[in-house]
Amino acid sequence: MPRTVVLLPRWVSVLPAAALPALRSASVVLATADVPDAAAIGAEPLEGDPPADAVVLTTDPEHPVLAGADVVVRAPDSAGWALLDAVAVMDRLRSPGGCPWDAEQTHASLRPYLIEEAYELYQAIEDEDRAAMREELGDVLLQVLFHARVAAEDGAEPFDIDAVAADLVAKLVGRHPHVFADGERIDTAERQEHRWEELKRAEKQRESSVDGVPLGQPAVALAAKLTSRTARARLPVELLPAGPGVGDQLFALAAKAKLAGLDPEAELRAAARHFAEAVRAAETAARADGLDPHALDHDCWKHYWPIP
């Protein structure tokens, strides 16, 4: 039997179907040190030269074991292959001969689009519109690609999409030691959320429980985030804003919702959207009766207002 090496995707031990015949007839299945959870898929550590009838698993495309292989089985393209096309298109748009508008954009000029696309995705999720979600996710991805391409052109402190992705991978792996490293085990989402915050606080060397909270987010969401952060820091509830001012009262209401396990931003958005639908329903009913919906008086509004 020829010596077979199976080249796996990094981080994920996915055995390609083409390797199954060799695996079934192999005298032993070995794995190089870079293969995660090798024991879970029945592989033993590779030590020295593998036997001629062994199957060797590796995620390293430069590993020396590949040079001595008679057969190399590669896993099919993993999820994310189309992202390379998206990067290439973005590069073309910003390059000479590309799109003049795209070429003129800066991080600052793109800020409104980042906010707009994020909210359009938010609404698509609220509406449970799968087609819109797919489109809006693409638009949010475009913002990431756009900013990374602009950053790559910075002569002082350049970085590109690969640096962005590499930092993300390092962050995800580092903050999930229970998945990517031996040691602690976390079996609940609540425990993982707390562990994530602990690792983030240590990583960023934060001095305050509210460091890192983005102050530019919508006010209700900001109040909720500050409430959750300070609750983890065991801040007494009576120290939350509760004064007579409108701002304090709104904060108190948002805090009360958050501490009750609700998302006050989502709750307020749902109420606002319900109100907008009621307004449209009243205007439509008035129009059907021959009235001008832009000239309704108090009694007309009361008459056509939909019953909750």
C-alpha atoms as a PDB file:
ATOM      1  CA  MET A   1       0.000   0.000   0.000  1.00  0.00           C
ATOM      2  CA  PRO A   2       1.451   3.436  -0.894  1.00  0.00           C
ATOM      3  CA  ARG A   3       2.187   5.911   1.872  1.00  0.00           C
ATOM      4  CA  THR A   4      -0.705   8.396   1.983  1.00  0.00           C
ATOM      5  CA  VAL A   5      -0.691  11.906   3.433  1.00  0.00           C
ATOM      6  CA  VAL A   6      -3.987  13.719   4.010  1.00  0.00           C
ATOM      7  CA  LEU A   7      -3.711  17.516   4.018  1.00  0.00           C
ATOM      8  CA  LEU A   8      -6.458  18.931   6.241  1.00  0.00           C
ATOM      9  CA  PRO A   9      -7.792  22.488   6.601  1.00  0.00           C
ATOM     10  CA  ARG A  10      -6.179  24.385   9.469  1.00  0.00           C
ATOM     11  CA  TRP A  11      -8.059  24.420  12.830  1.00  0.00           C
ATOM     12  CA  VAL A  12     -10.775  22.026  11.611  1.00  0.00           C
ATOM     13  CA  SER A  13     -10.147  18.282  11.306  1.00  0.00           C
ATOM     14  CA  VAL A  14     -12.380  17.499   8.348  1.00  0.00           C
ATOM     15  CA  LEU A  15     -11.489  14.197   6.732  1.00  0.00           C
ATOM     16  CA  PRO A  16     -12.087  14.303   2.956  1.00  0.00           C
ATOM     17  CA  ALA A  17     -14.151  11.442   1.523  1.00  0.00           C
ATOM     18  CA  ALA A  18     -11.344  10.576  -0.908  1.00  0.00           C
ATOM     19  CA  ALA A  19      -9.148   9.571   2.034  1.00  0.00           C
ATOM     20  CA  LEU A  20     -11.586   7.041   3.524  1.00  0.00           C
ATOM     21  CA  PRO A  21     -10.410   3.961   1.519  1.00  0.00           C
ATOM     22  CA  ALA A  22      -6.807   4.557   2.578  1.00  0.00           C
ATOM     23  CA  LEU A  23      -7.846   5.169   6.187  1.00  0.00           C
ATOM     24  CA  ARG A  24      -9.805   1.915   6.324  1.00  0.00           C
ATOM     25  CA  SER A  25      -6.882  -0.176   5.085  1.00  0.00           C
ATOM     26  CA  ALA A  26      -4.062   1.663   6.875  1.00  0.00           C
ATOM     27  CA  SER A  27      -2.025  -0.176   9.496  1.00  0.00           C
ATOM     28  CA  VAL A  28      -1.938   3.006  11.553  1.00  0.00           C
ATOM     29  CA  VAL A  29      -3.226   6.595  11.277  1.00  0.00           C
ATOM     30  CA  LEU A  30      -0.711   9.185  12.397  1.00  0.00           C
ATOM     31  CA  ALA A  31      -0.966  12.951  12.822  1.00  0.00           C
ATOM     32  CA  THR A  32       1.600  15.717  12.873  1.00  0.00           C
ATOM     33  CA  ALA A  33       1.683  18.030  15.888  1.00  0.00           C
ATOM     34  CA  ASP A  34      -0.309  20.764  14.113  1.00  0.00           C
ATOM     35  CA  VAL A  35      -3.482  18.669  13.769  1.00  0.00           C
ATOM     36  CA  PRO A  36      -6.034  19.724  16.427  1.00  0.00           C
ATOM     37  CA  ASP A  37      -7.840  16.995  18.388  1.00  0.00           C
ATOM     38  CA  ALA A  38      -5.952  14.262  16.547  1.00  0.00           C
ATOM     39  CA  ALA A  39      -6.835  11.683  19.174  1.00  0.00           C
ATOM     40  CA  ALA A  40     -10.539  12.413  18.697  1.00  0.00           C
ATOM     41  CA  ILE A  41     -10.342  11.175  15.120  1.00  0.00           C
ATOM     42  CA  GLY A  42      -8.319   8.096  16.037  1.00  0.00           C
ATOM     43  CA  ALA A  43      -4.841   9.327  15.086  1.00  0.00           C
ATOM     44  CA  GLU A  44      -1.603   8.738  16.972  1.00  0.00           C
ATOM     45  CA  PRO A  45       1.226  11.285  17.117  1.00  0.00           C
ATOM     46  CA  LEU A  46       3.741  11.060  14.285  1.00  0.00           C
ATOM     47  CA  GLU A  47       7.211  10.229  15.582  1.00  0.00           C
ATOM     48  CA  GLY A  48      10.008   9.689  13.106  1.00  0.00           C
ATOM     49  CA  ASP A  49       9.396   8.226   9.650  1.00  0.00           C
ATOM     50  CA  PRO A  50       5.918   6.747   9.148  1.00  0.00           C
ATOM     51  CA  PRO A  51       5.518   3.131   7.986  1.00  0.00           C
ATOM     52  CA  ALA A  52       4.926   2.585   4.285  1.00  0.00           C
ATOM     53  CA  ASP A  53       1.314   1.538   4.838  1.00  0.00           C
ATOM     54  CA  ALA A  54       0.441   4.389   7.228  1.00  0.00           C
ATOM     55  CA  VAL A  55      -1.836   7.322   6.620  1.00  0.00           C
ATOM     56  CA  VAL A  56      -0.514  10.628   7.921  1.00  0.00           C
ATOM     57  CA  LEU A  57      -2.740  13.604   8.689  1.00  0.00           C
ATOM     58  CA  THR A  58      -1.347  17.142   8.622  1.00  0.00           C
ATOM     59  CA  THR A  59      -2.596  20.712   8.264  1.00  0.00           C
ATOM     60  CA  ASP A  60       0.839  22.074   7.283  1.00  0.00           C
ATOM     61  CA  PRO A  61       1.223  22.305   3.483  1.00  0.00           C
ATOM     62  CA  GLU A  62       5.018  22.687   3.984  1.00  0.00           C
ATOM     63  CA  HIS A  63       5.481  19.710   6.309  1.00  0.00           C
ATOM     64  CA  PRO A  64       8.422  17.443   5.304  1.00  0.00           C
ATOM     65  CA  VAL A  65       6.203  14.359   5.460  1.00  0.00           C
ATOM     66  CA  LEU A  66       4.599  15.466   2.187  1.00  0.00           C
ATOM     67  CA  ALA A  67       7.896  15.028   0.332  1.00  0.00           C
ATOM     68  CA  GLY A  68       7.929  11.298   1.052  1.00  0.00           C
ATOM     69  CA  ALA A  69       4.265  10.684   0.215  1.00  0.00           C
ATOM     70  CA  ASP A  70       3.194   8.425  -2.624  1.00  0.00           C
ATOM     71  CA  VAL A  71      -0.345   9.818  -2.524  1.00  0.00           C
ATOM     72  CA  VAL A  72      -1.509  13.206  -1.233  1.00  0.00           C
ATOM     73  CA  VAL A  73      -5.211  13.662  -0.550  1.00  0.00           C
ATOM     74  CA  ARG A  74      -6.317  17.251  -0.088  1.00  0.00           C
ATOM     75  CA  ALA A  75      -9.522  18.380   1.577  1.00  0.00           C
ATOM     76  CA  PRO A  76     -11.916  20.178  -0.769  1.00  0.00           C
ATOM     77  CA  ASP A  77     -12.034  23.945  -0.710  1.00  0.00           C
ATOM     78  CA  SER A  78     -13.326  24.980   2.684  1.00  0.00           C
ATOM     79  CA  ALA A  79     -15.899  27.640   3.392  1.00  0.00           C
ATOM     80  CA  GLY A  80     -14.533  31.052   2.540  1.00  0.00           C
ATOM     81  CA  TRP A  81     -13.009  30.392  -0.862  1.00  0.00           C
ATOM     82  CA  ALA A  82     -15.262  33.002  -2.510  1.00  0.00           C
ATOM     83  CA  LEU A  83     -13.867  35.648  -0.153  1.00  0.00           C
ATOM     84  CA  LEU A  84     -10.717  35.636  -2.285  1.00  0.00           C
ATOM     85  CA  ASP A  85     -12.805  36.750  -5.263  1.00  0.00           C
ATOM     86  CA  ALA A  86     -14.356  39.512  -3.157  1.00  0.00           C
ATOM     87  CA  VAL A  87     -10.894  40.742  -2.145  1.00  0.00           C
ATOM     88  CA  ALA A  88      -9.741  40.692  -5.772  1.00  0.00           C
ATOM     89  CA  VAL A  89     -12.777  42.704  -6.899  1.00  0.00           C
ATOM     90  CA  MET A  90     -12.188  45.301  -4.181  1.00  0.00           C
ATOM     91  CA  ASP A  91      -8.535  45.586  -5.185  1.00  0.00           C
ATOM     92  CA  ARG A  92      -9.536  46.101  -8.810  1.00  0.00           C
ATOM     93  CA  LEU A  93     -12.001  48.844  -7.914  1.00  0.00           C
ATOM     94  CA  ARG A  94      -9.327  50.767  -5.972  1.00  0.00           C
ATOM     95  CA  SER A  95      -6.526  50.236  -8.491  1.00  0.00           C
ATOM     96  CA  PRO A  96      -5.668  52.524 -11.451  1.00  0.00           C
ATOM     97  CA  GLY A  97      -8.270  52.052 -14.153  1.00  0.00           C
ATOM     98  CA  GLY A  98     -10.881  51.012 -11.598  1.00  0.00           C
ATOM     99  CA  CYS A  99     -13.819  53.009 -10.258  1.00  0.00           C
ATOM    100  CA  PRO A 100     -13.173  56.755  -9.690  1.00  0.00           C
ATOM    101  CA  TRP A 101     -15.700  56.929  -6.843  1.00  0.00           C
ATOM    102  CA  ASP A 102     -14.208  53.945  -5.020  1.00  0.00           C
ATOM    103  CA  ALA A 103     -10.715  55.362  -5.496  1.00  0.00           C
ATOM    104  CA  GLU A 104     -11.663  58.644  -3.781  1.00  0.00           C
ATOM    105  CA  GLN A 105     -13.079  57.117  -0.598  1.00  0.00           C
ATOM    106  CA  THR A 106     -11.374  57.357   2.775  1.00  0.00           C
ATOM    107  CA  HIS A 107     -12.038  55.817   6.182  1.00  0.00           C
ATOM    108  CA  ALA A 108     -13.853  59.015   7.165  1.00  0.00           C
ATOM    109  CA  SER A 109     -16.002  59.218   4.026  1.00  0.00           C
ATOM    110  CA  LEU A 110     -17.072  55.586   4.411  1.00  0.00           C
ATOM    111  CA  ARG A 111     -18.340  55.984   7.982  1.00  0.00           C
ATOM    112  CA  PRO A 112     -21.986  56.747   7.071  1.00  0.00           C
ATOM    113  CA  TYR A 113     -22.172  53.658   4.872  1.00  0.00           C
ATOM    114  CA  LEU A 114     -20.862  51.430   7.667  1.00  0.00           C
ATOM    115  CA  ILE A 115     -23.646  52.591   9.982  1.00  0.00           C
ATOM    116  CA  GLU A 116     -26.293  52.426   7.250  1.00  0.00           C
ATOM    117  CA  GLU A 117     -25.393  48.899   6.138  1.00  0.00           C
ATOM    118  CA  ALA A 118     -25.296  47.640   9.728  1.00  0.00           C
ATOM    119  CA  TYR A 119     -28.803  48.966  10.370  1.00  0.00           C
ATOM    120  CA  GLU A 120     -30.121  47.524   7.114  1.00  0.00           C
ATOM    121  CA  LEU A 121     -28.800  44.125   8.182  1.00  0.00           C
ATOM    122  CA  TYR A 122     -30.372  44.644  11.622  1.00  0.00           C
ATOM    123  CA  GLN A 123     -33.742  45.304   9.995  1.00  0.00           C
ATOM    124  CA  ALA A 124     -33.442  42.275   7.709  1.00  0.00           C
ATOM    125  CA  ILE A 125     -32.848  40.122  10.793  1.00  0.00           C
ATOM    126  CA  GLU A 126     -35.841  41.707  12.547  1.00  0.00           C
ATOM    127  CA  ASP A 127     -38.004  41.039   9.481  1.00  0.00           C
ATOM    128  CA  GLU A 128     -36.668  37.460   9.216  1.00  0.00           C
ATOM    129  CA  ASP A 129     -36.090  38.203   5.521  1.00  0.00           C
ATOM    130  CA  ARG A 130     -33.547  35.596   4.482  1.00  0.00           C
ATOM    131  CA  ALA A 131     -32.904  37.065   1.029  1.00  0.00           C
ATOM    132  CA  ALA A 132     -32.351  40.533   2.498  1.00  0.00           C
ATOM    133  CA  MET A 133     -30.091  39.112   5.224  1.00  0.00           C
ATOM    134  CA  ARG A 134     -27.893  37.480   2.597  1.00  0.00           C
ATOM    135  CA  GLU A 135     -27.648  40.712   0.606  1.00  0.00           C
ATOM    136  CA  GLU A 136     -27.053  42.942   3.635  1.00  0.00           C
ATOM    137  CA  LEU A 137     -24.390  40.622   5.048  1.00  0.00           C
ATOM    138  CA  GLY A 138     -22.603  41.102   1.740  1.00  0.00           C
ATOM    139  CA  ASP A 139     -22.889  44.872   2.087  1.00  0.00           C
ATOM    140  CA  VAL A 140     -21.447  44.736   5.611  1.00  0.00           C
ATOM    141  CA  LEU A 141     -18.627  42.527   4.310  1.00  0.00           C
ATOM    142  CA  LEU A 142     -17.982  45.118   1.606  1.00  0.00           C
ATOM    143  CA  GLN A 143     -17.358  47.716   4.301  1.00  0.00           C
ATOM    144  CA  VAL A 144     -14.732  45.468   5.902  1.00  0.00           C
ATOM    145  CA  LEU A 145     -13.032  44.837   2.555  1.00  0.00           C
ATOM    146  CA  PHE A 146     -13.217  48.525   1.632  1.00  0.00           C
ATOM    147  CA  HIS A 147     -11.652  49.772   4.871  1.00  0.00           C
ATOM    148  CA  ALA A 148      -8.950  47.093   4.743  1.00  0.00           C
ATOM    149  CA  ARG A 149      -8.065  48.057   1.156  1.00  0.00           C
ATOM    150  CA  VAL A 150      -7.905  51.750   2.072  1.00  0.00           C
ATOM    151  CA  ALA A 151      -5.713  50.871   5.062  1.00  0.00           C
ATOM    152  CA  ALA A 152      -3.331  48.898   2.837  1.00  0.00           C
ATOM    153  CA  GLU A 153      -2.551  52.131   0.948  1.00  0.00           C
ATOM    154  CA  ASP A 154      -1.559  54.036   4.090  1.00  0.00           C
ATOM    155  CA  GLY A 155       2.099  54.923   3.805  1.00  0.00           C
ATOM    156  CA  ALA A 156       2.614  55.349   7.553  1.00  0.00           C
ATOM    157  CA  GLU A 157       0.785  52.438   9.179  1.00  0.00           C
ATOM    158  CA  PRO A 158      -0.507  50.085   6.482  1.00  0.00           C
ATOM    159  CA  PHE A 159      -2.378  46.850   7.120  1.00  0.00           C
ATOM    160  CA  ASP A 160      -4.408  44.669   4.773  1.00  0.00           C
ATOM    161  CA  ILE A 161      -7.310  42.218   4.848  1.00  0.00           C
ATOM    162  CA  ASP A 162      -4.980  39.334   5.726  1.00  0.00           C
ATOM    163  CA  ALA A 163      -3.749  41.225   8.795  1.00  0.00           C
ATOM    164  CA  VAL A 164      -7.368  41.889   9.788  1.00  0.00           C
ATOM    165  CA  ALA A 165      -8.266  38.201   9.366  1.00  0.00           C
ATOM    166  CA  ALA A 166      -5.116  37.016  11.144  1.00  0.00           C
ATOM    167  CA  ASP A 167      -5.847  39.261  14.131  1.00  0.00           C
ATOM    168  CA  LEU A 168      -9.404  37.934  14.230  1.00  0.00           C
ATOM    169  CA  VAL A 169      -8.229  34.327  14.151  1.00  0.00           C
ATOM    170  CA  ALA A 170      -5.744  34.984  16.935  1.00  0.00           C
ATOM    171  CA  LYS A 171      -8.448  36.684  19.000  1.00  0.00           C
ATOM    172  CA  LEU A 172     -10.993  33.890  18.518  1.00  0.00           C
ATOM    173  CA  VAL A 173      -8.484  31.162  19.275  1.00  0.00           C
ATOM    174  CA  GLY A 174      -7.077  33.019  22.267  1.00  0.00           C
ATOM    175  CA  ARG A 175     -10.493  33.660  23.752  1.00  0.00           C
ATOM    176  CA  HIS A 176     -11.676  30.074  23.287  1.00  0.00           C
ATOM    177  CA  PRO A 177      -8.976  28.062  25.076  1.00  0.00           C
ATOM    178  CA  HIS A 178     -11.602  25.460  25.937  1.00  0.00           C
ATOM    179  CA  VAL A 179     -11.967  24.757  22.197  1.00  0.00           C
ATOM    180  CA  PHE A 180      -8.468  25.244  20.761  1.00  0.00           C
ATOM    181  CA  ALA A 181      -6.269  24.242  23.719  1.00  0.00           C
ATOM    182  CA  ASP A 182      -6.163  21.643  26.442  1.00  0.00           C
ATOM    183  CA  GLY A 183      -7.217  22.693  29.901  1.00  0.00           C
ATOM    184  CA  GLU A 184     -10.357  24.397  31.101  1.00  0.00           C
ATOM    185  CA  ARG A 185     -13.757  23.161  30.010  1.00  0.00           C
ATOM    186  CA  ILE A 186     -16.738  25.462  29.508  1.00  0.00           C
ATOM    187  CA  ASP A 187     -20.138  23.877  28.974  1.00  0.00           C
ATOM    188  CA  THR A 188     -22.571  26.796  29.227  1.00  0.00           C
ATOM    189  CA  ALA A 189     -23.053  29.941  27.134  1.00  0.00           C
ATOM    190  CA  GLU A 190     -23.264  32.062  30.303  1.00  0.00           C
ATOM    191  CA  ARG A 191     -19.919  30.815  31.565  1.00  0.00           C
ATOM    192  CA  GLN A 192     -18.344  31.436  28.159  1.00  0.00           C
ATOM    193  CA  GLU A 193     -19.655  34.999  28.106  1.00  0.00           C
ATOM    194  CA  HIS A 194     -18.057  35.697  31.489  1.00  0.00           C
ATOM    195  CA  ARG A 195     -14.817  33.979  30.453  1.00  0.00           C
ATOM    196  CA  TRP A 196     -14.710  36.013  27.230  1.00  0.00           C
ATOM    197  CA  GLU A 197     -14.916  39.248  29.237  1.00  0.00           C
ATOM    198  CA  GLU A 198     -12.212  38.053  31.640  1.00  0.00           C
ATOM    199  CA  LEU A 199      -9.830  37.227  28.803  1.00  0.00           C
ATOM    200  CA  LYS A 200     -10.642  40.485  26.995  1.00  0.00           C
ATOM    201  CA  ARG A 201     -10.015  42.526  30.148  1.00  0.00           C
ATOM    202  CA  ALA A 202      -6.648  40.853  30.719  1.00  0.00           C
ATOM    203  CA  GLU A 203      -5.684  41.099  27.048  1.00  0.00           C
ATOM    204  CA  LYS A 204      -6.480  44.804  26.755  1.00  0.00           C
ATOM    205  CA  GLN A 205      -5.282  45.633  30.278  1.00  0.00           C
ATOM    206  CA  ARG A 206      -8.450  47.560  31.042  1.00  0.00           C
ATOM    207  CA  GLU A 207      -8.500  49.603  34.210  1.00  0.00           C
ATOM    208  CA  SER A 208     -12.268  50.182  34.369  1.00  0.00           C
ATOM    209  CA  SER A 209     -15.281  47.933  33.965  1.00  0.00           C
ATOM    210  CA  VAL A 210     -16.641  50.370  31.372  1.00  0.00           C
ATOM    211  CA  ASP A 211     -13.445  50.659  29.307  1.00  0.00           C
ATOM    212  CA  GLY A 212     -14.041  49.606  25.730  1.00  0.00           C
ATOM    213  CA  VAL A 213     -17.770  50.342  25.679  1.00  0.00           C
ATOM    214  CA  PRO A 214     -18.377  52.179  22.365  1.00  0.00           C
ATOM    215  CA  LEU A 215     -19.930  55.479  23.361  1.00  0.00           C
ATOM    216  CA  GLY A 216     -21.118  56.198  19.814  1.00  0.00           C
ATOM    217  CA  GLN A 217     -23.777  53.473  19.799  1.00  0.00           C
ATOM    218  CA  PRO A 218     -27.502  54.327  20.129  1.00  0.00           C
ATOM    219  CA  ALA A 219     -28.311  55.752  23.565  1.00  0.00           C
ATOM    220  CA  VAL A 220     -30.616  52.942  24.707  1.00  0.00           C
ATOM    221  CA  ALA A 221     -28.091  50.299  23.670  1.00  0.00           C
ATOM    222  CA  LEU A 222     -25.342  52.313  25.382  1.00  0.00           C
ATOM    223  CA  ALA A 223     -27.301  52.478  28.635  1.00  0.00           C
ATOM    224  CA  ALA A 224     -27.925  48.727  28.460  1.00  0.00           C
ATOM    225  CA  LYS A 225     -24.252  47.948  27.810  1.00  0.00           C
ATOM    226  CA  LEU A 226     -23.091  50.158  30.675  1.00  0.00           C
ATOM    227  CA  THR A 227     -25.653  48.473  32.930  1.00  0.00           C
ATOM    228  CA  SER A 228     -24.478  44.967  32.042  1.00  0.00           C
ATOM    229  CA  ARG A 229     -20.805  45.879  32.446  1.00  0.00           C
ATOM    230  CA  THR A 230     -21.314  47.480  35.855  1.00  0.00           C
ATOM    231  CA  ALA A 231     -23.562  44.638  36.979  1.00  0.00           C
ATOM    232  CA  ARG A 232     -20.663  42.235  36.370  1.00  0.00           C
ATOM    233  CA  ALA A 233     -18.535  44.570  38.472  1.00  0.00           C
ATOM    234  CA  ARG A 234     -21.154  44.191  41.255  1.00  0.00           C
ATOM    235  CA  LEU A 235     -22.130  47.861  41.199  1.00  0.00           C
ATOM    236  CA  PRO A 236     -25.130  48.338  43.545  1.00  0.00           C
ATOM    237  CA  VAL A 237     -28.324  48.878  41.571  1.00  0.00           C
ATOM    238  CA  GLU A 238     -29.143  52.009  43.588  1.00  0.00           C
ATOM    239  CA  LEU A 239     -26.077  53.731  42.079  1.00  0.00           C
ATOM    240  CA  LEU A 240     -27.494  53.549  38.549  1.00  0.00           C
ATOM    241  CA  PRO A 241     -28.895  56.851  37.201  1.00  0.00           C
ATOM    242  CA  ALA A 242     -32.345  57.469  38.689  1.00  0.00           C
ATOM    243  CA  GLY A 243     -32.676  61.234  38.927  1.00  0.00           C
ATOM    244  CA  PRO A 244     -35.693  63.352  37.918  1.00  0.00           C
ATOM    245  CA  GLY A 245     -34.295  64.355  34.525  1.00  0.00           C
ATOM    246  CA  VAL A 246     -35.614  62.781  31.316  1.00  0.00           C
ATOM    247  CA  GLY A 247     -32.189  61.298  30.551  1.00  0.00           C
ATOM    248  CA  ASP A 248     -31.924  59.693  33.976  1.00  0.00           C
ATOM    249  CA  GLN A 249     -35.432  58.292  33.701  1.00  0.00           C
ATOM    250  CA  LEU A 250     -34.742  56.823  30.261  1.00  0.00           C
ATOM    251  CA  PHE A 251     -31.490  55.308  31.525  1.00  0.00           C
ATOM    252  CA  ALA A 252     -33.298  53.829  34.527  1.00  0.00           C
ATOM    253  CA  LEU A 253     -35.926  52.233  32.315  1.00  0.00           C
ATOM    254  CA  ALA A 254     -33.287  50.793  29.975  1.00  0.00           C
ATOM    255  CA  ALA A 255     -31.327  49.497  32.969  1.00  0.00           C
ATOM    256  CA  LYS A 256     -34.416  47.887  34.471  1.00  0.00           C
ATOM    257  CA  ALA A 257     -35.112  46.066  31.207  1.00  0.00           C
ATOM    258  CA  LYS A 258     -31.525  44.900  30.859  1.00  0.00           C
ATOM    259  CA  LEU A 259     -31.355  43.596  34.415  1.00  0.00           C
ATOM    260  CA  ALA A 260     -34.595  41.713  33.723  1.00  0.00           C
ATOM    261  CA  GLY A 261     -32.931  39.911  30.816  1.00  0.00           C
ATOM    262  CA  LEU A 262     -34.482  41.993  28.044  1.00  0.00           C
ATOM    263  CA  ASP A 263     -32.807  43.939  25.244  1.00  0.00           C
ATOM    264  CA  PRO A 264     -34.165  47.484  25.689  1.00  0.00           C
ATOM    265  CA  GLU A 265     -32.913  48.580  22.261  1.00  0.00           C
ATOM    266  CA  ALA A 266     -34.808  45.751  20.574  1.00  0.00           C
ATOM    267  CA  GLU A 267     -37.882  46.336  22.752  1.00  0.00           C
ATOM    268  CA  LEU A 268     -37.984  50.045  21.873  1.00  0.00           C
ATOM    269  CA  ARG A 269     -37.415  49.335  18.194  1.00  0.00           C
ATOM    270  CA  ALA A 270     -40.274  46.820  18.205  1.00  0.00           C
ATOM    271  CA  ALA A 271     -42.589  49.365  19.841  1.00  0.00           C
ATOM    272  CA  ALA A 272     -41.539  52.066  17.366  1.00  0.00           C
ATOM    273  CA  ARG A 273     -42.107  49.793  14.371  1.00  0.00           C
ATOM    274  CA  HIS A 274     -45.518  48.756  15.732  1.00  0.00           C
ATOM    275  CA  PHE A 275     -46.426  52.425  16.114  1.00  0.00           C
ATOM    276  CA  ALA A 276     -45.327  53.187  12.538  1.00  0.00           C
ATOM    277  CA  GLU A 277     -47.478  50.323  11.258  1.00  0.00           C
ATOM    278  CA  ALA A 278     -50.466  51.665  13.191  1.00  0.00           C
ATOM    279  CA  VAL A 279     -49.985  55.129  11.671  1.00  0.00           C
ATOM    280  CA  ARG A 280     -49.886  53.669   8.176  1.00  0.00           C
ATOM    281  CA  ALA A 281     -52.962  51.537   8.867  1.00  0.00           C
ATOM    282  CA  ALA A 282     -54.976  54.582  10.040  1.00  0.00           C
ATOM    283  CA  GLU A 283     -53.863  56.635   7.036  1.00  0.00           C
ATOM    284  CA  THR A 284     -54.741  53.806   4.648  1.00  0.00           C
ATOM    285  CA  ALA A 285     -58.218  53.418   6.184  1.00  0.00           C
ATOM    286  CA  ALA A 286     -58.831  57.167   5.945  1.00  0.00           C
ATOM    287  CA  ARG A 287     -57.672  57.250   2.348  1.00  0.00           C
ATOM    288  CA  ALA A 288     -60.067  54.391   1.523  1.00  0.00           C
ATOM    289  CA  ASP A 289     -62.897  56.597   2.796  1.00  0.00           C
ATOM    290  CA  GLY A 290     -61.859  59.431   0.511  1.00  0.00           C
ATOM    291  CA  LEU A 291     -60.044  61.520   3.117  1.00  0.00           C
ATOM    292  CA  ASP A 292     -56.645  63.162   2.782  1.00  0.00           C
ATOM    293  CA  PRO A 293     -54.382  61.222   5.194  1.00  0.00           C
ATOM    294  CA  HIS A 294     -52.158  64.300   5.515  1.00  0.00           C
ATOM    295  CA  ALA A 295     -55.034  66.435   6.840  1.00  0.00           C
ATOM    296  CA  LEU A 296     -56.604  64.267   9.536  1.00  0.00           C
ATOM    297  CA  ASP A 297     -57.850  65.978  12.676  1.00  0.00           C
ATOM    298  CA  HIS A 298     -57.980  64.651  16.233  1.00  0.00           C
ATOM    299  CA  ASP A 299     -61.330  62.894  15.824  1.00  0.00           C
ATOM    300  CA  CYS A 300     -60.319  61.300  12.524  1.00  0.00           C
ATOM    301  CA  TRP A 301     -57.136  59.888  13.996  1.00  0.00           C
ATOM    302  CA  LYS A 302     -59.119  58.433  16.894  1.00  0.00           C
ATOM    303  CA  HIS A 303     -61.718  56.988  14.518  1.00  0.00           C
ATOM    304  CA  TYR A 304     -59.262  55.259  12.164  1.00  0.00           C
ATOM    305  CA  TRP A 305     -56.712  54.191  14.724  1.00  0.00           C
ATOM    306  CA  PRO A 306     -56.427  50.377  14.663  1.00  0.00           C
ATOM    307  CA  ILE A 307     -57.534  48.624  17.805  1.00  0.00           C
ATOM    308  CA  PRO A 308     -54.506  47.038  19.574  1.00  0.00           C
END
